[in-house]
Amino acid sequence: MSAENSKVGLPISPDDIYKAAKRIGPYVHRTPVLTSARLNEIFGAELFFKCENFQHIGAFKARGAHNAVFALNDADASKGVVAHSSGNHAAALCLAAVNRGISAKIVMPHNSARVKIDAVKRLGGEINFCEPSISAREAGVEDIMARTGAALVHPYNDAHVIAGQGTTALEFLEECPDLDALLAPIGGGGLLSGCAIIAKALKENIFVCGVEPLHANDAFRSWKSGTMQTNTNAETIADGLRGQLGDMALDIFLEKIDHVIEVSEEDIVQAMRLVWSELKIVIEPSSAVPVASLLKQRACISGDKIGIVVSGGNVDLDALPW
C-alpha cells in the first residue's frame, strides 16, 4: 500500500505519519489487535480491537507525545515541555520527557482521576492543579511558558502530536488491511484526525467514524455545521474526552471523516462492562465510546469488518461506574 498526498492546506500529510512512525519506533509498543467471537455474534460484524491500553502509560497518547518531544531542537528541548491534560497526555509527555532527559510541567484539573495523577507523579512530572475548565487549563500553561520558556506540547492541537497519533491507524491497517470501517473516540480530535489522514491514504473507501459522548458533543456539532462549536459543560464519565475539539482536527474532519456518532452515558457504561467481560481487558470509559456506538447505532456504520481503536486503560478501580 502506498500513501497519497493529502490535500494542500491540511496540517499534516501521510508522509508526516510515516516520519513519526520512524521517530517514535524505539519508544512505543506495536500494540496487539484482539478479536472476540462472542462480540462478533452480539454485533453481527467482525470486530478488531487495536489495544492501545497496552501502550506505554496505558494509552495511545504515548505516540503523539514522543513525536512532538523528539521533534524539538536541542535549544528548545533544554527548557523543558509543558501541557494541560486530564491525565493520559500528561503521563505520556512525562515519559517522553524522561526518555529525552528533559523536564515536564503539567497543568491538570483538580478533579482528574487519581490513577492519572499518580502516573504523572511517578514519572517525575511537576503538577500544577487548576479548575476543570479549558480557560483555566490554558491560563495555567501560559503562566508556566512565560516563567520558564518551556515548549508547549498541546494534547491534540499540534501537528506533531496528530502525526504521532496517526501511527495507530498505520499499524492497524498494516495488520488488518481488509477493514471496512475504522472507529475512534473524539476528545480534542488528535487521534481520529491522525488516523483518518493515513487510513484514507492507504484505503480510500474505508469508512472513518468518530464517536463522542452526547454530553460533550462539540465535535458532532462542529462537523455537522462546518464551524467550530464549543461545550459549555462537558460532564461525562469519559473524562479523556472532555477536551475542546481543536481547529486542526476540524479541518481534517471536514475533509476525511464520514460520520460522527453521539452516545449516551448509559451506553458507555454498558459497552465498557461488555468489553471487560468478553475481551477480558481493562479499558477506560473513553475507550468504550466507539463500542457504545454499536449498541444502538450499528446501522450508521458501514461495512462488516470494523476496526475499533481502544484508546486507553487508565481507570480508577475504586470508582468503577457499575
C-alpha atoms as a PDB file:
ATOM      1  CA  MET A   1       0.000   0.000   0.000  1.00  0.00           C
ATOM      2  CA  SER A   2       1.243   3.488  -0.772  1.00  0.00           C
ATOM      3  CA  ALA A   3       0.228   6.829   0.660  1.00  0.00           C
ATOM      4  CA  GLU A   4      -1.124   9.633  -1.476  1.00  0.00           C
ATOM      5  CA  ASN A   5      -0.504  13.290  -0.817  1.00  0.00           C
ATOM      6  CA  SER A   6      -3.000  14.961   1.481  1.00  0.00           C
ATOM      7  CA  LYS A   7      -4.959  17.951   0.257  1.00  0.00           C
ATOM      8  CA  VAL A   8      -2.945  21.160   0.401  1.00  0.00           C
ATOM      9  CA  GLY A   9      -3.929  23.134   3.482  1.00  0.00           C
ATOM     10  CA  LEU A  10      -4.373  20.266   5.946  1.00  0.00           C
ATOM     11  CA  PRO A  11      -1.989  20.440   8.918  1.00  0.00           C
ATOM     12  CA  ILE A  12      -0.337  17.066   8.244  1.00  0.00           C
ATOM     13  CA  SER A  13       0.195  14.641   5.375  1.00  0.00           C
ATOM     14  CA  PRO A  14       0.573  10.851   5.273  1.00  0.00           C
ATOM     15  CA  ASP A  15       4.328  11.381   4.932  1.00  0.00           C
ATOM     16  CA  ASP A  16       4.334  13.105   8.332  1.00  0.00           C
ATOM     17  CA  ILE A  17       2.821   9.973   9.847  1.00  0.00           C
ATOM     18  CA  TYR A  18       5.438   7.728   8.248  1.00  0.00           C
ATOM     19  CA  LYS A  19       8.156  10.025   9.631  1.00  0.00           C
ATOM     20  CA  ALA A  20       6.502   9.912  13.045  1.00  0.00           C
ATOM     21  CA  ALA A  21       6.458   6.114  12.989  1.00  0.00           C
ATOM     22  CA  LYS A  22      10.206   6.083  12.367  1.00  0.00           C
ATOM     23  CA  ARG A  23      10.897   8.746  15.027  1.00  0.00           C
ATOM     24  CA  ILE A  24       8.906   7.078  17.809  1.00  0.00           C
ATOM     25  CA  GLY A  25       9.708   3.477  16.926  1.00  0.00           C
ATOM     26  CA  PRO A  26      12.320   2.998  19.681  1.00  0.00           C
ATOM     27  CA  TYR A  27       9.978   4.361  22.370  1.00  0.00           C
ATOM     28  CA  VAL A  28       6.484   2.922  21.798  1.00  0.00           C
ATOM     29  CA  HIS A  29       4.899  -0.511  21.609  1.00  0.00           C
ATOM     30  CA  ARG A  30       3.382  -2.003  18.496  1.00  0.00           C
ATOM     31  CA  THR A  31       0.157  -2.880  20.265  1.00  0.00           C
ATOM     32  CA  PRO A  32      -1.852  -6.069  19.644  1.00  0.00           C
ATOM     33  CA  VAL A  33      -5.136  -6.450  17.782  1.00  0.00           C
ATOM     34  CA  LEU A  34      -7.708  -8.619  19.581  1.00  0.00           C
ATOM     35  CA  THR A  35     -10.917 -10.251  18.388  1.00  0.00           C
ATOM     36  CA  SER A  36     -13.849 -11.907  20.124  1.00  0.00           C
ATOM     37  CA  ALA A  37     -16.208 -14.452  18.568  1.00  0.00           C
ATOM     38  CA  ARG A  38     -18.801 -13.561  21.199  1.00  0.00           C
ATOM     39  CA  LEU A  39     -18.692  -9.823  20.422  1.00  0.00           C
ATOM     40  CA  ASN A  40     -18.842 -10.596  16.706  1.00  0.00           C
ATOM     41  CA  GLU A  41     -22.008 -12.575  17.381  1.00  0.00           C
ATOM     42  CA  ILE A  42     -23.548  -9.839  19.520  1.00  0.00           C
ATOM     43  CA  PHE A  43     -22.978  -7.087  16.951  1.00  0.00           C
ATOM     44  CA  GLY A  44     -23.294  -9.078  13.748  1.00  0.00           C
ATOM     45  CA  ALA A  45     -19.923  -7.956  12.434  1.00  0.00           C
ATOM     46  CA  GLU A  46     -16.243  -8.872  12.557  1.00  0.00           C
ATOM     47  CA  LEU A  47     -14.705  -6.594  15.172  1.00  0.00           C
ATOM     48  CA  PHE A  48     -10.998  -5.904  15.524  1.00  0.00           C
ATOM     49  CA  PHE A  49      -9.706  -4.067  18.597  1.00  0.00           C
ATOM     50  CA  LYS A  50      -6.414  -2.118  18.383  1.00  0.00           C
ATOM     51  CA  CYS A  51      -5.395  -2.250  22.040  1.00  0.00           C
ATOM     52  CA  GLU A  52      -3.668   0.993  22.928  1.00  0.00           C
ATOM     53  CA  ASN A  53      -4.459   0.215  26.555  1.00  0.00           C
ATOM     54  CA  PHE A  54      -1.316  -1.964  26.278  1.00  0.00           C
ATOM     55  CA  GLN A  55       0.728   1.028  25.123  1.00  0.00           C
ATOM     56  CA  HIS A  56       3.313   2.736  27.376  1.00  0.00           C
ATOM     57  CA  ILE A  57       1.436   4.730  30.064  1.00  0.00           C
ATOM     58  CA  GLY A  58      -1.657   2.740  29.117  1.00  0.00           C
ATOM     59  CA  ALA A  59      -2.863   4.937  26.253  1.00  0.00           C
ATOM     60  CA  PHE A  60      -2.260   5.981  22.638  1.00  0.00           C
ATOM     61  CA  LYS A  61      -1.046   9.373  23.865  1.00  0.00           C
ATOM     62  CA  ALA A  62       2.490   7.998  24.150  1.00  0.00           C
ATOM     63  CA  ARG A  63       2.713   8.173  20.358  1.00  0.00           C
ATOM     64  CA  GLY A  64       1.967  11.857  19.860  1.00  0.00           C
ATOM     65  CA  ALA A  65       3.925  12.988  22.892  1.00  0.00           C
ATOM     66  CA  HIS A  66       7.089  11.184  21.814  1.00  0.00           C
ATOM     67  CA  ASN A  67       6.818  12.507  18.271  1.00  0.00           C
ATOM     68  CA  ALA A  68       6.445  16.089  19.484  1.00  0.00           C
ATOM     69  CA  VAL A  69       9.197  15.884  22.113  1.00  0.00           C
ATOM     70  CA  PHE A  70      11.747  14.252  19.826  1.00  0.00           C
ATOM     71  CA  ALA A  71      10.956  16.712  17.022  1.00  0.00           C
ATOM     72  CA  LEU A  72      12.137  19.632  19.211  1.00  0.00           C
ATOM     73  CA  ASN A  73      15.563  21.081  18.543  1.00  0.00           C
ATOM     74  CA  ASP A  74      18.072  20.847  21.388  1.00  0.00           C
ATOM     75  CA  ALA A  75      17.795  24.520  22.390  1.00  0.00           C
ATOM     76  CA  ASP A  76      14.012  24.397  22.800  1.00  0.00           C
ATOM     77  CA  ALA A  77      14.080  20.986  24.454  1.00  0.00           C
ATOM     78  CA  SER A  78      16.576  22.150  27.079  1.00  0.00           C
ATOM     79  CA  LYS A  79      13.907  24.426  28.598  1.00  0.00           C
ATOM     80  CA  GLY A  80      11.525  21.519  29.109  1.00  0.00           C
ATOM     81  CA  VAL A  81       7.961  20.971  27.971  1.00  0.00           C
ATOM     82  CA  VAL A  82       4.544  21.895  29.299  1.00  0.00           C
ATOM     83  CA  ALA A  83       0.963  20.838  28.589  1.00  0.00           C
ATOM     84  CA  HIS A  84      -2.506  20.793  30.059  1.00  0.00           C
ATOM     85  CA  SER A  85      -4.184  17.407  30.350  1.00  0.00           C
ATOM     86  CA  SER A  86      -6.680  15.460  32.430  1.00  0.00           C
ATOM     87  CA  GLY A  87      -4.214  12.606  32.554  1.00  0.00           C
ATOM     88  CA  ASN A  88      -3.179  10.414  29.632  1.00  0.00           C
ATOM     89  CA  HIS A  89      -1.363  13.109  27.642  1.00  0.00           C
ATOM     90  CA  ALA A  90       0.199  14.305  30.878  1.00  0.00           C
ATOM     91  CA  ALA A  91       1.704  10.912  31.646  1.00  0.00           C
ATOM     92  CA  ALA A  92       2.724  10.433  28.021  1.00  0.00           C
ATOM     93  CA  LEU A  93       4.523  13.777  27.920  1.00  0.00           C
ATOM     94  CA  CYS A  94       6.312  12.995  31.180  1.00  0.00           C
ATOM     95  CA  LEU A  95       7.502   9.663  29.778  1.00  0.00           C
ATOM     96  CA  ALA A  96       8.691  11.274  26.556  1.00  0.00           C
ATOM     97  CA  ALA A  97      10.498  13.938  28.578  1.00  0.00           C
ATOM     98  CA  VAL A  98      12.206  11.253  30.682  1.00  0.00           C
ATOM     99  CA  ASN A  99      13.301   9.468  27.510  1.00  0.00           C
ATOM    100  CA  ARG A 100      14.800  12.688  26.156  1.00  0.00           C
ATOM    101  CA  GLY A 101      16.261  13.762  29.501  1.00  0.00           C
ATOM    102  CA  ILE A 102      14.289  16.985  29.931  1.00  0.00           C
ATOM    103  CA  SER A 103      11.694  18.302  32.389  1.00  0.00           C
ATOM    104  CA  ALA A 104       7.897  18.255  32.052  1.00  0.00           C
ATOM    105  CA  LYS A 105       5.360  20.525  33.745  1.00  0.00           C
ATOM    106  CA  ILE A 106       1.687  19.585  33.669  1.00  0.00           C
ATOM    107  CA  VAL A 107      -1.446  21.651  34.290  1.00  0.00           C
ATOM    108  CA  MET A 108      -4.158  19.239  35.465  1.00  0.00           C
ATOM    109  CA  PRO A 109      -7.772  19.821  36.536  1.00  0.00           C
ATOM    110  CA  HIS A 110      -8.114  19.109  40.245  1.00  0.00           C
ATOM    111  CA  ASN A 111     -10.808  16.511  39.516  1.00  0.00           C
ATOM    112  CA  SER A 112      -8.564  14.346  37.322  1.00  0.00           C
ATOM    113  CA  ALA A 113      -8.672  10.616  38.007  1.00  0.00           C
ATOM    114  CA  ARG A 114      -6.370   9.585  40.858  1.00  0.00           C
ATOM    115  CA  VAL A 115      -4.744   6.875  38.747  1.00  0.00           C
ATOM    116  CA  LYS A 116      -3.708   9.514  36.198  1.00  0.00           C
ATOM    117  CA  ILE A 117      -2.405  11.949  38.815  1.00  0.00           C
ATOM    118  CA  ASP A 118      -0.342   9.147  40.337  1.00  0.00           C
ATOM    119  CA  ALA A 119       1.095   8.242  36.928  1.00  0.00           C
ATOM    120  CA  VAL A 120       2.344  11.800  36.361  1.00  0.00           C
ATOM    121  CA  LYS A 121       3.944  11.887  39.803  1.00  0.00           C
ATOM    122  CA  ARG A 122       5.569   8.504  39.259  1.00  0.00           C
ATOM    123  CA  LEU A 123       7.129   9.741  36.025  1.00  0.00           C
ATOM    124  CA  GLY A 124       8.570  12.836  37.675  1.00  0.00           C
ATOM    125  CA  GLY A 125       6.233  15.430  36.230  1.00  0.00           C
ATOM    126  CA  GLU A 126       5.606  18.691  38.061  1.00  0.00           C
ATOM    127  CA  ILE A 127       1.828  19.037  38.529  1.00  0.00           C
ATOM    128  CA  ASN A 128       0.081  22.411  38.661  1.00  0.00           C
ATOM    129  CA  PHE A 129      -3.605  21.884  39.532  1.00  0.00           C
ATOM    130  CA  CYS A 130      -6.314  24.121  38.078  1.00  0.00           C
ATOM    131  CA  GLU A 131     -10.083  24.454  37.879  1.00  0.00           C
ATOM    132  CA  PRO A 132     -11.753  21.963  35.473  1.00  0.00           C
ATOM    133  CA  SER A 133     -12.252  24.349  32.560  1.00  0.00           C
ATOM    134  CA  ILE A 134     -10.474  24.942  29.268  1.00  0.00           C
ATOM    135  CA  SER A 135      -9.806  28.582  30.160  1.00  0.00           C
ATOM    136  CA  ALA A 136      -8.178  27.621  33.472  1.00  0.00           C
ATOM    137  CA  ARG A 137      -6.035  24.976  31.772  1.00  0.00           C
ATOM    138  CA  GLU A 138      -4.828  27.391  29.113  1.00  0.00           C
ATOM    139  CA  ALA A 139      -4.123  30.169  31.615  1.00  0.00           C
ATOM    140  CA  GLY A 140      -2.005  27.791  33.687  1.00  0.00           C
ATOM    141  CA  VAL A 141       0.042  26.764  30.671  1.00  0.00           C
ATOM    142  CA  GLU A 142       0.580  30.351  29.544  1.00  0.00           C
ATOM    143  CA  ASP A 143       1.890  31.270  33.005  1.00  0.00           C
ATOM    144  CA  ILE A 144       4.403  28.420  33.008  1.00  0.00           C
ATOM    145  CA  MET A 145       5.592  29.227  29.482  1.00  0.00           C
ATOM    146  CA  ALA A 146       6.119  32.874  30.424  1.00  0.00           C
ATOM    147  CA  ARG A 147       8.100  31.966  33.546  1.00  0.00           C
ATOM    148  CA  THR A 148      10.217  29.102  32.221  1.00  0.00           C
ATOM    149  CA  GLY A 149      10.294  29.217  28.431  1.00  0.00           C
ATOM    150  CA  ALA A 150       9.051  25.628  28.328  1.00  0.00           C
ATOM    151  CA  ALA A 151       7.814  24.409  24.939  1.00  0.00           C
ATOM    152  CA  LEU A 152       4.088  23.788  24.675  1.00  0.00           C
ATOM    153  CA  VAL A 153       3.093  20.286  23.568  1.00  0.00           C
ATOM    154  CA  HIS A 154      -0.645  20.659  23.150  1.00  0.00           C
ATOM    155  CA  PRO A 155      -2.577  17.441  23.841  1.00  0.00           C
ATOM    156  CA  TYR A 156      -4.313  17.489  20.443  1.00  0.00           C
ATOM    157  CA  ASN A 157      -3.986  20.785  18.534  1.00  0.00           C
ATOM    158  CA  ASP A 158      -0.384  20.155  17.478  1.00  0.00           C
ATOM    159  CA  ALA A 159       0.747  18.821  14.091  1.00  0.00           C
ATOM    160  CA  HIS A 160       3.453  16.572  15.552  1.00  0.00           C
ATOM    161  CA  VAL A 161       1.027  15.164  18.118  1.00  0.00           C
ATOM    162  CA  ILE A 162      -1.584  14.442  15.456  1.00  0.00           C
ATOM    163  CA  ALA A 163       1.001  12.735  13.239  1.00  0.00           C
ATOM    164  CA  GLY A 164       2.143  10.593  16.155  1.00  0.00           C
ATOM    165  CA  GLN A 165      -1.412   9.526  16.967  1.00  0.00           C
ATOM    166  CA  GLY A 166      -1.905   8.619  13.311  1.00  0.00           C
ATOM    167  CA  THR A 167       0.662   5.838  13.639  1.00  0.00           C
ATOM    168  CA  THR A 168      -2.074   3.909  15.487  1.00  0.00           C
ATOM    169  CA  ALA A 169      -4.055   3.503  12.263  1.00  0.00           C
ATOM    170  CA  LEU A 170      -0.888   2.915  10.227  1.00  0.00           C
ATOM    171  CA  GLU A 171      -0.098  -0.146  12.355  1.00  0.00           C
ATOM    172  CA  PHE A 172      -3.752  -1.197  12.438  1.00  0.00           C
ATOM    173  CA  LEU A 173      -4.129  -1.268   8.659  1.00  0.00           C
ATOM    174  CA  GLU A 174      -0.775  -2.967   8.189  1.00  0.00           C
ATOM    175  CA  GLU A 175      -2.088  -5.817  10.319  1.00  0.00           C
ATOM    176  CA  CYS A 176      -5.731  -5.694   9.177  1.00  0.00           C
ATOM    177  CA  PRO A 177      -5.726  -4.319   5.612  1.00  0.00           C
ATOM    178  CA  ASP A 178      -9.261  -5.555   4.871  1.00  0.00           C
ATOM    179  CA  LEU A 179     -11.037  -3.299   7.359  1.00  0.00           C
ATOM    180  CA  ASP A 180     -14.225  -1.744   6.004  1.00  0.00           C
ATOM    181  CA  ALA A 181     -14.556   0.787   8.803  1.00  0.00           C
ATOM    182  CA  LEU A 182     -12.423   2.457  11.467  1.00  0.00           C
ATOM    183  CA  LEU A 183     -13.930   3.814  14.701  1.00  0.00           C
ATOM    184  CA  ALA A 184     -12.164   6.003  17.258  1.00  0.00           C
ATOM    185  CA  PRO A 185     -13.268   8.214  20.163  1.00  0.00           C
ATOM    186  CA  ILE A 186     -13.167  12.011  19.906  1.00  0.00           C
ATOM    187  CA  GLY A 187     -11.927  14.356  22.600  1.00  0.00           C
ATOM    188  CA  GLY A 188      -9.707  17.033  21.137  1.00  0.00           C
ATOM    189  CA  GLY A 189      -9.686  15.110  17.866  1.00  0.00           C
ATOM    190  CA  GLY A 190      -5.965  14.382  17.542  1.00  0.00           C
ATOM    191  CA  LEU A 191      -6.352  10.604  17.476  1.00  0.00           C
ATOM    192  CA  LEU A 192      -9.193  10.463  14.958  1.00  0.00           C
ATOM    193  CA  SER A 193      -7.761  13.139  12.663  1.00  0.00           C
ATOM    194  CA  GLY A 194      -4.323  11.497  12.517  1.00  0.00           C
ATOM    195  CA  CYS A 195      -5.899   8.095  11.942  1.00  0.00           C
ATOM    196  CA  ALA A 196      -8.200   9.488   9.241  1.00  0.00           C
ATOM    197  CA  ILE A 197      -5.316  11.028   7.282  1.00  0.00           C
ATOM    198  CA  ILE A 198      -3.396   7.761   6.974  1.00  0.00           C
ATOM    199  CA  ALA A 199      -6.448   5.485   6.729  1.00  0.00           C
ATOM    200  CA  LYS A 200      -7.873   7.375   3.751  1.00  0.00           C
ATOM    201  CA  ALA A 201      -4.436   7.452   2.116  1.00  0.00           C
ATOM    202  CA  LEU A 202      -3.992   3.701   2.473  1.00  0.00           C
ATOM    203  CA  LYS A 203      -7.583   2.729   1.674  1.00  0.00           C
ATOM    204  CA  GLU A 204      -9.640   5.448   0.033  1.00  0.00           C
ATOM    205  CA  ASN A 205     -13.025   3.797   0.561  1.00  0.00           C
ATOM    206  CA  ILE A 206     -12.618   2.940   4.255  1.00  0.00           C
ATOM    207  CA  PHE A 207     -15.462   4.321   6.411  1.00  0.00           C
ATOM    208  CA  VAL A 208     -13.937   6.529   9.112  1.00  0.00           C
ATOM    209  CA  CYS A 209     -16.240   7.340  12.001  1.00  0.00           C
ATOM    210  CA  GLY A 210     -15.706   9.294  15.190  1.00  0.00           C
ATOM    211  CA  VAL A 211     -17.717   8.713  18.352  1.00  0.00           C
ATOM    212  CA  GLU A 212     -18.179  11.023  21.328  1.00  0.00           C
ATOM    213  CA  PRO A 213     -20.358  11.356  24.423  1.00  0.00           C
ATOM    214  CA  LEU A 214     -23.663  13.145  23.921  1.00  0.00           C
ATOM    215  CA  HIS A 215     -22.765  15.340  26.902  1.00  0.00           C
ATOM    216  CA  ALA A 216     -19.549  16.502  25.214  1.00  0.00           C
ATOM    217  CA  ASN A 217     -20.671  16.648  21.592  1.00  0.00           C
ATOM    218  CA  ASP A 218     -18.774  19.668  20.282  1.00  0.00           C
ATOM    219  CA  ALA A 219     -17.179  17.544  17.548  1.00  0.00           C
ATOM    220  CA  PHE A 220     -20.541  16.310  16.248  1.00  0.00           C
ATOM    221  CA  ARG A 221     -21.938  19.841  16.171  1.00  0.00           C
ATOM    222  CA  SER A 222     -18.768  21.234  14.594  1.00  0.00           C
ATOM    223  CA  TRP A 223     -18.640  18.523  11.926  1.00  0.00           C
ATOM    224  CA  LYS A 224     -22.350  18.932  11.184  1.00  0.00           C
ATOM    225  CA  SER A 225     -22.240  22.730  10.924  1.00  0.00           C
ATOM    226  CA  GLY A 226     -18.785  23.082   9.398  1.00  0.00           C
ATOM    227  CA  THR A 227     -17.812  25.655  12.017  1.00  0.00           C
ATOM    228  CA  MET A 228     -16.232  25.330  15.452  1.00  0.00           C
ATOM    229  CA  GLN A 229     -18.697  24.690  18.276  1.00  0.00           C
ATOM    230  CA  THR A 230     -17.903  24.563  21.983  1.00  0.00           C
ATOM    231  CA  ASN A 231     -19.050  22.695  25.087  1.00  0.00           C
ATOM    232  CA  THR A 232     -20.296  24.788  27.964  1.00  0.00           C
ATOM    233  CA  ASN A 233     -20.367  21.864  30.397  1.00  0.00           C
ATOM    234  CA  ALA A 234     -18.727  18.600  29.317  1.00  0.00           C
ATOM    235  CA  GLU A 235     -19.953  16.385  32.144  1.00  0.00           C
ATOM    236  CA  THR A 236     -19.287  12.834  31.019  1.00  0.00           C
ATOM    237  CA  ILE A 237     -17.915   9.680  32.564  1.00  0.00           C
ATOM    238  CA  ALA A 238     -15.468   9.581  29.636  1.00  0.00           C
ATOM    239  CA  ASP A 239     -13.055  12.003  31.277  1.00  0.00           C
ATOM    240  CA  GLY A 240     -10.478  11.715  28.498  1.00  0.00           C
ATOM    241  CA  LEU A 241     -12.998  13.158  26.008  1.00  0.00           C
ATOM    242  CA  ARG A 242     -13.882  16.360  27.848  1.00  0.00           C
ATOM    243  CA  GLY A 243     -11.383  18.498  25.937  1.00  0.00           C
ATOM    244  CA  GLN A 244     -12.464  21.008  23.321  1.00  0.00           C
ATOM    245  CA  LEU A 245     -12.121  19.967  19.669  1.00  0.00           C
ATOM    246  CA  GLY A 246      -9.012  21.514  18.093  1.00  0.00           C
ATOM    247  CA  ASP A 247      -9.196  23.601  14.934  1.00  0.00           C
ATOM    248  CA  MET A 248      -6.545  21.423  13.253  1.00  0.00           C
ATOM    249  CA  ALA A 249      -8.742  18.391  13.834  1.00  0.00           C
ATOM    250  CA  LEU A 250     -11.846  20.137  12.498  1.00  0.00           C
ATOM    251  CA  ASP A 251     -10.093  20.950   9.210  1.00  0.00           C
ATOM    252  CA  ILE A 252      -9.261  17.258   8.822  1.00  0.00           C
ATOM    253  CA  PHE A 253     -12.700  16.102   9.949  1.00  0.00           C
ATOM    254  CA  LEU A 254     -14.462  18.181   7.307  1.00  0.00           C
ATOM    255  CA  GLU A 255     -12.476  16.502   4.550  1.00  0.00           C
ATOM    256  CA  LYS A 256     -11.749  12.998   5.842  1.00  0.00           C
ATOM    257  CA  ILE A 257     -14.445  11.901   8.309  1.00  0.00           C
ATOM    258  CA  ASP A 258     -17.502  10.062   7.028  1.00  0.00           C
ATOM    259  CA  HIS A 259     -19.669  10.222  10.139  1.00  0.00           C
ATOM    260  CA  VAL A 260     -19.743  11.266  13.801  1.00  0.00           C
ATOM    261  CA  ILE A 261     -21.952   9.444  16.317  1.00  0.00           C
ATOM    262  CA  GLU A 262     -23.091  10.608  19.767  1.00  0.00           C
ATOM    263  CA  VAL A 263     -23.615   8.067  22.556  1.00  0.00           C
ATOM    264  CA  SER A 264     -25.321   8.203  25.953  1.00  0.00           C
ATOM    265  CA  GLU A 265     -23.666   7.772  29.331  1.00  0.00           C
ATOM    266  CA  GLU A 266     -25.685   4.601  29.899  1.00  0.00           C
ATOM    267  CA  ASP A 267     -24.433   3.071  26.648  1.00  0.00           C
ATOM    268  CA  ILE A 268     -20.831   3.981  27.510  1.00  0.00           C
ATOM    269  CA  VAL A 269     -21.099   2.108  30.822  1.00  0.00           C
ATOM    270  CA  GLN A 270     -22.765  -0.876  29.163  1.00  0.00           C
ATOM    271  CA  ALA A 271     -20.090  -1.015  26.450  1.00  0.00           C
ATOM    272  CA  MET A 272     -17.276  -0.698  28.971  1.00  0.00           C
ATOM    273  CA  ARG A 273     -18.641  -3.557  31.020  1.00  0.00           C
ATOM    274  CA  LEU A 274     -19.179  -5.672  27.909  1.00  0.00           C
ATOM    275  CA  VAL A 275     -15.551  -5.281  26.800  1.00  0.00           C
ATOM    276  CA  TRP A 276     -14.248  -6.054  30.275  1.00  0.00           C
ATOM    277  CA  SER A 277     -16.414  -9.165  30.363  1.00  0.00           C
ATOM    278  CA  GLU A 278     -15.856 -10.532  26.852  1.00  0.00           C
ATOM    279  CA  LEU A 279     -12.332  -9.385  25.898  1.00  0.00           C
ATOM    280  CA  LYS A 280     -11.020  -9.763  29.466  1.00  0.00           C
ATOM    281  CA  ILE A 281      -9.112  -6.480  29.281  1.00  0.00           C
ATOM    282  CA  VAL A 282      -9.257  -3.278  31.323  1.00  0.00           C
ATOM    283  CA  ILE A 283     -10.413  -0.258  29.347  1.00  0.00           C
ATOM    284  CA  GLU A 284     -11.371   3.223  30.500  1.00  0.00           C
ATOM    285  CA  PRO A 285     -14.724   4.863  29.712  1.00  0.00           C
ATOM    286  CA  SER A 286     -13.270   6.865  26.797  1.00  0.00           C
ATOM    287  CA  SER A 287     -12.244   3.602  25.126  1.00  0.00           C
ATOM    288  CA  ALA A 288     -15.767   2.221  25.448  1.00  0.00           C
ATOM    289  CA  VAL A 289     -17.311   5.082  23.481  1.00  0.00           C
ATOM    290  CA  PRO A 290     -16.774   3.552  19.990  1.00  0.00           C
ATOM    291  CA  VAL A 291     -18.171   0.224  21.183  1.00  0.00           C
ATOM    292  CA  ALA A 292     -21.166   2.091  22.593  1.00  0.00           C
ATOM    293  CA  SER A 293     -21.965   3.319  19.080  1.00  0.00           C
ATOM    294  CA  LEU A 294     -22.521  -0.282  18.010  1.00  0.00           C
ATOM    295  CA  LEU A 295     -25.103  -0.938  20.706  1.00  0.00           C
ATOM    296  CA  LYS A 296     -27.891   1.146  19.176  1.00  0.00           C
ATOM    297  CA  GLN A 297     -26.474   2.750  16.038  1.00  0.00           C
ATOM    298  CA  ARG A 298     -24.920  -0.190  14.164  1.00  0.00           C
ATOM    299  CA  ALA A 299     -26.861   0.773  11.028  1.00  0.00           C
ATOM    300  CA  CYS A 300     -24.925   4.058  10.856  1.00  0.00           C
ATOM    301  CA  ILE A 301     -21.601   2.210  10.491  1.00  0.00           C
ATOM    302  CA  SER A 302     -20.742   0.948   7.032  1.00  0.00           C
ATOM    303  CA  GLY A 303     -19.120  -2.442   6.472  1.00  0.00           C
ATOM    304  CA  ASP A 304     -18.819  -5.826   8.135  1.00  0.00           C
ATOM    305  CA  LYS A 305     -15.153  -5.680   9.205  1.00  0.00           C
ATOM    306  CA  ILE A 306     -14.911  -2.941  11.781  1.00  0.00           C
ATOM    307  CA  GLY A 307     -11.704  -1.730  13.415  1.00  0.00           C
ATOM    308  CA  ILE A 308     -12.019  -0.099  16.841  1.00  0.00           C
ATOM    309  CA  VAL A 309      -9.242   1.896  18.465  1.00  0.00           C
ATOM    310  CA  VAL A 310      -9.156   1.070  22.181  1.00  0.00           C
ATOM    311  CA  SER A 311      -7.627   4.351  23.266  1.00  0.00           C
ATOM    312  CA  GLY A 312      -6.581   3.579  26.839  1.00  0.00           C
ATOM    313  CA  GLY A 313      -6.949   1.567  30.009  1.00  0.00           C
ATOM    314  CA  ASN A 314      -6.286   4.008  32.841  1.00  0.00           C
ATOM    315  CA  VAL A 315      -9.246   3.703  35.135  1.00  0.00           C
ATOM    316  CA  ASP A 316      -9.663   4.149  38.886  1.00  0.00           C
ATOM    317  CA  LEU A 317     -10.537   0.645  40.074  1.00  0.00           C
ATOM    318  CA  ASP A 318     -12.039   2.090  43.246  1.00  0.00           C
ATOM    319  CA  ALA A 319     -14.525   4.191  41.272  1.00  0.00           C
ATOM    320  CA  LEU A 320     -15.918   1.873  38.596  1.00  0.00           C
ATOM    321  CA  PRO A 321     -19.249   3.025  37.099  1.00  0.00           C
ATOM    322  CA  TRP A 322     -21.113  -0.168  37.963  1.00  0.00           C
END
